[in-house]
Protein backbone atom coordinates (compact mmCIF):
# COMPACT_ATOMS: atom_id res chain seq x y z
CA MET A 1 -2.97 -8.41 -34.56
CA ARG A 2 -1.94 -8.80 -30.92
CA VAL A 3 -4.36 -10.13 -28.33
CA LEU A 4 -4.54 -8.74 -24.83
CA TRP A 5 -5.94 -11.45 -22.54
CA ALA A 6 -8.06 -10.31 -19.59
CA PRO A 7 -10.46 -13.20 -18.89
CA TRP A 8 -11.40 -11.90 -15.42
CA ARG A 9 -13.24 -9.03 -17.16
CA MET A 10 -15.87 -11.51 -18.37
CA ALA A 11 -17.52 -11.43 -14.94
CA TYR A 12 -18.16 -7.72 -15.53
CA VAL A 13 -19.03 -7.90 -19.22
CA GLY A 14 -21.34 -10.92 -18.98
CA GLY A 15 -22.31 -10.78 -15.34
CA ALA A 16 -25.72 -10.08 -13.92
CA ARG A 17 -26.36 -6.45 -13.06
CA THR A 18 -27.55 -5.61 -9.60
CA SER A 19 -29.13 -2.47 -8.22
CA ASP A 20 -27.56 -3.10 -4.80
CA CYS A 21 -25.06 -0.51 -3.58
CA ILE A 22 -21.56 -1.96 -3.94
CA PHE A 23 -20.36 -0.11 -0.85
CA CYS A 24 -23.23 -1.25 1.38
CA THR A 25 -22.86 -4.80 0.07
CA ALA A 26 -19.13 -4.69 0.84
CA ARG A 27 -19.77 -3.17 4.29
CA ASP A 28 -22.23 -5.94 5.18
CA SER A 29 -20.28 -8.87 3.73
CA ALA A 30 -18.36 -11.24 5.97
CA ASP A 31 -16.12 -12.21 3.05
CA THR A 32 -13.83 -9.21 2.79
CA ARG A 33 -11.54 -10.88 0.26
CA ALA A 34 -14.41 -11.56 -2.15
CA THR A 35 -15.57 -7.94 -1.88
CA LEU A 36 -11.96 -6.64 -1.95
CA VAL A 37 -12.48 -4.74 1.32
CA LEU A 38 -9.19 -3.77 2.94
CA ALA A 39 -10.69 -2.01 5.98
CA GLN A 40 -14.18 -1.39 7.40
CA ARG A 41 -13.69 1.30 10.04
CA PRO A 42 -14.10 4.16 10.26
CA ALA A 43 -14.64 4.07 6.47
CA ILE A 44 -14.96 1.36 3.85
CA VAL A 45 -11.65 1.00 2.01
CA MET A 46 -11.73 -1.34 -0.95
CA LEU A 47 -9.93 -2.13 -4.16
CA ASN A 48 -11.71 -1.01 -7.30
CA ARG A 49 -12.72 -4.18 -9.13
CA TYR A 50 -12.35 -2.33 -12.46
CA PRO A 51 -9.28 -0.18 -11.80
CA TYR A 52 -7.84 2.70 -13.79
CA ALA A 53 -4.36 1.68 -12.61
CA ASN A 54 -2.74 -0.86 -10.30
CA GLY A 55 -3.57 -0.06 -6.66
CA HIS A 56 -6.77 1.89 -7.42
CA LEU A 57 -8.73 2.12 -4.16
CA MET A 58 -12.09 3.55 -3.20
CA VAL A 59 -12.94 5.07 0.18
CA ALA A 60 -16.59 5.44 1.19
CA PRO A 61 -18.49 6.28 4.36
CA ARG A 62 -20.20 3.40 6.15
CA HIS A 63 -23.40 5.45 6.10
CA HIS A 64 -25.27 5.28 2.78
CA ALA A 65 -25.38 8.89 1.59
CA ALA A 66 -25.14 10.49 -1.83
CA ASP A 67 -23.55 13.72 -0.62
CA PHE A 68 -22.01 15.48 2.39
CA ALA A 69 -25.37 16.78 3.60
CA GLY A 70 -26.49 13.18 4.12
CA LEU A 71 -23.64 12.38 6.50
CA PRO A 72 -23.54 12.98 10.24
CA ALA A 73 -20.85 15.60 11.01
CA ALA A 74 -18.76 13.20 13.10
CA GLU A 75 -18.72 10.61 10.32
CA CYS A 76 -17.73 13.27 7.80
CA ARG A 77 -14.73 14.27 9.94
CA ALA A 78 -13.74 10.63 10.46
CA LEU A 79 -14.02 10.06 6.72
CA MET A 80 -11.60 12.89 5.99
CA ASP A 81 -9.14 11.48 8.53
CA SER A 82 -9.48 8.04 6.93
CA LEU A 83 -8.87 9.46 3.48
CA ALA A 84 -5.62 11.06 4.67
CA ARG A 85 -4.44 7.83 6.33
CA VAL A 86 -5.36 5.74 3.29
CA THR A 87 -3.32 7.93 0.93
CA THR A 88 -0.31 7.65 3.25
CA LEU A 89 -0.61 3.87 3.65
CA LEU A 90 -1.12 3.34 -0.08
CA ALA A 91 1.88 5.50 -1.02
CA GLU A 92 4.08 3.57 1.41
CA ALA A 93 2.81 0.16 0.29
CA MET A 94 2.96 0.85 -3.45
CA HIS A 95 6.03 3.15 -3.42
CA SER A 96 4.09 5.59 -5.59
CA GLU A 97 5.42 9.00 -6.54
CA GLY A 98 2.03 10.70 -6.51
CA MET A 99 -1.71 10.12 -6.31
CA ASN A 100 -4.89 11.08 -8.04
CA VAL A 101 -7.61 11.54 -5.43
CA GLY A 102 -11.04 12.22 -6.88
CA LEU A 103 -14.66 12.59 -5.86
CA ASN A 104 -17.53 12.77 -8.35
CA LEU A 105 -20.76 14.08 -6.81
CA GLY A 106 -23.72 12.86 -8.85
CA ALA A 107 -24.11 11.01 -12.12
CA ALA A 108 -23.72 14.20 -14.17
CA ALA A 109 -20.27 14.65 -12.59
CA GLY A 110 -19.25 11.14 -13.63
CA ALA A 111 -20.09 9.10 -10.53
CA GLY A 112 -20.59 5.46 -11.52
CA VAL A 113 -22.21 4.87 -8.13
CA ALA A 114 -24.04 8.15 -7.59
CA ASP A 115 -26.06 7.24 -4.51
CA HIS A 116 -23.10 6.48 -2.20
CA LEU A 117 -20.41 9.13 -1.72
CA HIS A 118 -16.91 7.78 -2.42
CA TRP A 119 -13.41 8.80 -3.40
CA HIS A 120 -11.13 7.17 -5.93
CA ILE A 121 -7.46 7.00 -4.96
CA VAL A 122 -5.09 6.05 -7.76
CA PRO A 123 -1.34 5.74 -7.11
CA ARG A 124 0.85 7.22 -9.85
CA TRP A 125 4.44 6.92 -10.98
CA SER A 126 6.45 9.08 -13.38
CA GLY A 127 5.98 7.62 -16.86
CA ASP A 128 3.25 5.18 -15.80
CA THR A 129 1.08 5.92 -18.80
CA ASN A 130 1.87 4.59 -22.23
CA PHE A 131 0.39 4.40 -25.70
CA MET A 132 -2.24 1.74 -24.89
CA PRO A 133 -4.99 4.06 -23.59
CA LEU A 134 -4.39 6.55 -26.38
CA LEU A 135 -4.15 4.21 -29.37
CA ALA A 136 -6.01 1.11 -28.29
CA ASP A 137 -8.44 2.49 -25.68
CA THR A 138 -6.97 -0.14 -23.36
CA ARG A 139 -5.49 0.06 -19.88
CA VAL A 140 -2.85 -2.42 -18.82
CA ILE A 141 -3.11 -3.44 -15.17
CA SER A 142 0.09 -5.13 -14.05
CA GLN A 143 -1.13 -7.17 -11.09
CA HIS A 144 -4.09 -9.45 -10.45
CA LEU A 145 -6.56 -8.03 -7.92
CA GLU A 146 -6.38 -11.01 -5.56
CA ILE A 147 -2.59 -10.84 -5.40
CA LEU A 148 -2.75 -7.10 -4.76
CA TYR A 149 -5.43 -7.65 -2.11
CA ASP A 150 -3.21 -10.16 -0.29
CA ARG A 151 -0.34 -7.65 -0.41
CA LEU A 152 -2.35 -4.65 0.82
CA GLN A 153 -4.75 -6.20 3.34
CA PRO A 154 -2.18 -6.51 6.16
CA VAL A 155 -1.12 -2.89 5.59
CA PHE A 156 -4.67 -1.57 5.83
CA SER A 157 -5.71 -3.78 8.76
CA VAL A 158 -4.26 -1.07 11.04
CA LEU A 159 -7.27 1.10 10.19
CA ASP A 160 -9.70 -1.44 11.66
CA ALA A 161 -7.49 -1.87 14.73
CA ALA A 162 -7.38 1.87 15.50
């Protein structure tokens, strides 16, 4: 039997559960590296702590809202602009060949955080999937989150400066 080591997952598996909104907590934190926040304005852009693939980001409005109706119109427009810029910046930084961009509205639709609207952006490359998810129900992430954060943070800092 082969062993796949992922000791950083223990914080998730054995960690204390909180009812706090991860996006609001990230928005309000001064320690952007600890919360994996790449940009704060006009939207929260952060690495997914439990990614589907290397470079998996999430984009959320600063305003705590579960759906579009809960957002001010101006923030909704700014959010769409941010989403477009984030996909461009991520593609350039990761040299990806494509992207999955997804939004799950509500728990029934698969939203893990149903009370704060957010998109998942996952860079993709031809042939980037392998047998691990199919046979072993395991994803292989090729880069540690902190190393990826250090690589991407300077790229995404332009969003806060705009």
